[in-house]
C-alpha atoms as a PDB file:
ATOM      1  CA  MET A   1     110.246 107.240  94.511  1.00  0.00           C
ATOM      2  CA  LEU A   2     107.181 105.529  96.031  1.00  0.00           C
ATOM      3  CA  ASP A   3     109.001 102.216  95.895  1.00  0.00           C
ATOM      4  CA  GLU A   4     111.718 103.706  98.110  1.00  0.00           C
ATOM      5  CA  LEU A   5     109.062 104.876 100.599  1.00  0.00           C
ATOM      6  CA  LEU A   6     107.596 101.384 100.597  1.00  0.00           C
ATOM      7  CA  LEU A   7     111.003  99.876 101.330  1.00  0.00           C
ATOM      8  CA  ALA A   8     111.506 102.464 104.102  1.00  0.00           C
ATOM      9  CA  SER A   9     108.355 101.265 105.899  1.00  0.00           C
ATOM     10  CA  ALA A  10     110.670  98.864 107.784  1.00  0.00           C
ATOM     11  CA  GLY A  11     108.156  96.103 108.467  1.00  0.00           C
ATOM     12  CA  ARG A  12     105.250  98.337 109.450  1.00  0.00           C
ATOM     13  CA  PHE A  13     101.829  97.655 107.982  1.00  0.00           C
ATOM     14  CA  VAL A  14     101.380  99.413 104.656  1.00  0.00           C
ATOM     15  CA  SER A  15      98.641  99.927 102.110  1.00  0.00           C
ATOM     16  CA  VAL A  16      99.785  99.971  98.479  1.00  0.00           C
ATOM     17  CA  THR A  17      97.714 100.921  95.435  1.00  0.00           C
ATOM     18  CA  PHE A  18      99.167  99.692  92.162  1.00  0.00           C
ATOM     19  CA  THR A  19      98.223  98.653  88.629  1.00  0.00           C
ATOM     20  CA  LYS A  20      98.139  94.907  88.058  1.00  0.00           C
ATOM     21  CA  ARG A  21      99.490  93.244  84.934  1.00  0.00           C
ATOM     22  CA  ASP A  22      95.973  93.050  83.428  1.00  0.00           C
ATOM     23  CA  GLY A  23      95.566  96.836  83.790  1.00  0.00           C
ATOM     24  CA  SER A  24      93.197  96.834  86.759  1.00  0.00           C
ATOM     25  CA  SER A  25      93.987  98.710  89.953  1.00  0.00           C
ATOM     26  CA  ARG A  26      94.478  96.917  93.275  1.00  0.00           C
ATOM     27  CA  VAL A  27      94.795  98.015  96.885  1.00  0.00           C
ATOM     28  CA  MET A  28      96.823  95.643  99.031  1.00  0.00           C
ATOM     29  CA  ASN A  29      97.441  95.730 102.780  1.00  0.00           C
ATOM     30  CA  GLY A  30     100.532  93.980 104.033  1.00  0.00           C
ATOM     31  CA  ARG A  31     104.057  94.086 105.387  1.00  0.00           C
ATOM     32  CA  LEU A  32     107.594  93.799 104.125  1.00  0.00           C
ATOM     33  CA  GLY A  33     110.043  91.385 105.653  1.00  0.00           C
ATOM     34  CA  VAL A  34     107.631  88.617 106.728  1.00  0.00           C
ATOM     35  CA  THR A  35     109.548  85.328 106.695  1.00  0.00           C
ATOM     36  CA  LYS A  36     107.325  83.101 108.832  1.00  0.00           C
ATOM     37  CA  TYR A  37     105.554  81.428 105.898  1.00  0.00           C
ATOM     38  CA  LEU A  38     108.514  80.888 103.588  1.00  0.00           C
ATOM     39  CA  LYS A  39     108.954  77.292 102.466  1.00  0.00           C
ATOM     40  CA  GLY A  40     112.491  77.476 101.127  1.00  0.00           C
ATOM     41  CA  GLY A  41     113.729  78.073  97.627  1.00  0.00           C
ATOM     42  CA  VAL A  42     114.893  81.252  96.016  1.00  0.00           C
ATOM     43  CA  SER A  43     112.805  84.051  94.569  1.00  0.00           C
ATOM     44  CA  THR A  44     113.070  84.273  90.783  1.00  0.00           C
ATOM     45  CA  LEU A  45     111.759  87.847  90.707  1.00  0.00           C
ATOM     46  CA  ASN A  46     114.113  90.663  89.799  1.00  0.00           C
ATOM     47  CA  PRO A  47     114.369  92.858  92.947  1.00  0.00           C
ATOM     48  CA  ASP A  48     115.045  95.893  90.744  1.00  0.00           C
ATOM     49  CA  THR A  49     111.581  95.455  89.185  1.00  0.00           C
ATOM     50  CA  TYR A  50     109.434  93.870  91.940  1.00  0.00           C
ATOM     51  CA  ILE A  51     108.915  94.270  95.680  1.00  0.00           C
ATOM     52  CA  THR A  52     107.576  91.232  97.560  1.00  0.00           C
ATOM     53  CA  LEU A  53     104.987  91.937 100.258  1.00  0.00           C
ATOM     54  CA  TYR A  54     103.081  89.622 102.543  1.00  0.00           C
ATOM     55  CA  ASP A  55      99.370  90.299 101.906  1.00  0.00           C
ATOM     56  CA  THR A  56      97.666  90.139 105.311  1.00  0.00           C
ATOM     57  CA  VAL A  57      94.185  89.771 103.791  1.00  0.00           C
ATOM     58  CA  SER A  58      94.943  86.963 101.318  1.00  0.00           C
ATOM     59  CA  LYS A  59      97.554  85.418 103.635  1.00  0.00           C
ATOM     60  CA  GLY A  60     100.226  85.049 100.971  1.00  0.00           C
ATOM     61  CA  TYR A  61     103.191  86.685  99.326  1.00  0.00           C
ATOM     62  CA  ARG A  62     102.502  89.048  96.432  1.00  0.00           C
ATOM     63  CA  ALA A  63     104.798  90.884  94.033  1.00  0.00           C
ATOM     64  CA  VAL A  64     104.297  94.569  93.297  1.00  0.00           C
ATOM     65  CA  ASN A  65     105.843  96.085  90.181  1.00  0.00           C
ATOM     66  CA  ARG A  66     107.797  99.145  91.291  1.00  0.00           C
ATOM     67  CA  ALA A  67     106.879 101.068  88.118  1.00  0.00           C
ATOM     68  CA  THR A  68     103.111 100.754  88.657  1.00  0.00           C
ATOM     69  CA  ILE A  69     102.819 101.907  92.291  1.00  0.00           C
ATOM     70  CA  GLN A  70     100.217 104.686  92.523  1.00  0.00           C
ATOM     71  CA  SER A  71     100.189 105.341  96.269  1.00  0.00           C
ATOM     72  CA  VAL A  72     101.704 104.111  99.528  1.00  0.00           C
ATOM     73  CA  THR A  73     100.186 104.632 102.978  1.00  0.00           C
ATOM     74  CA  PHE A  74     101.981 103.913 106.237  1.00  0.00           C
ATOM     75  CA  GLY A  75     102.258 105.657 109.559  1.00  0.00           C
ATOM     76  CA  GLY A  76      98.953 107.443 108.868  1.00  0.00           C
ATOM     77  CA  VAL A  77     100.379 109.307 105.865  1.00  0.00           C
ATOM     78  CA  THR A  78      99.456 108.677 102.226  1.00  0.00           C
ATOM     79  CA  HIS A  79     102.063 109.339  99.564  1.00  0.00           C
ATOM     80  CA  VAL A  80     100.688 109.650  96.012  1.00  0.00           C
ATOM     81  CA  ALA A  81     102.583 109.480  92.713  1.00  0.00           C
ATOM     82  CA  VAL A  82     102.641 112.739  90.811  1.00  0.00           C
END
């Protein structure tokens, strides 16, 4: 459900808290739909499993596993997984 809220952010800045592959938690600030820095090629990530965000702090694209999203904040509202 939080992944659907993230997709509904429609390009607005979002903050996502999720569990990384190594088990640690990460907070990432970014946006969906950024295409300015793409260099061509095709994403090999399964869109049913991962959401690609542009991380505005690290200045790069990052993949977030939909199943490990803990919270999503956008528009001044925080949505937390139950």
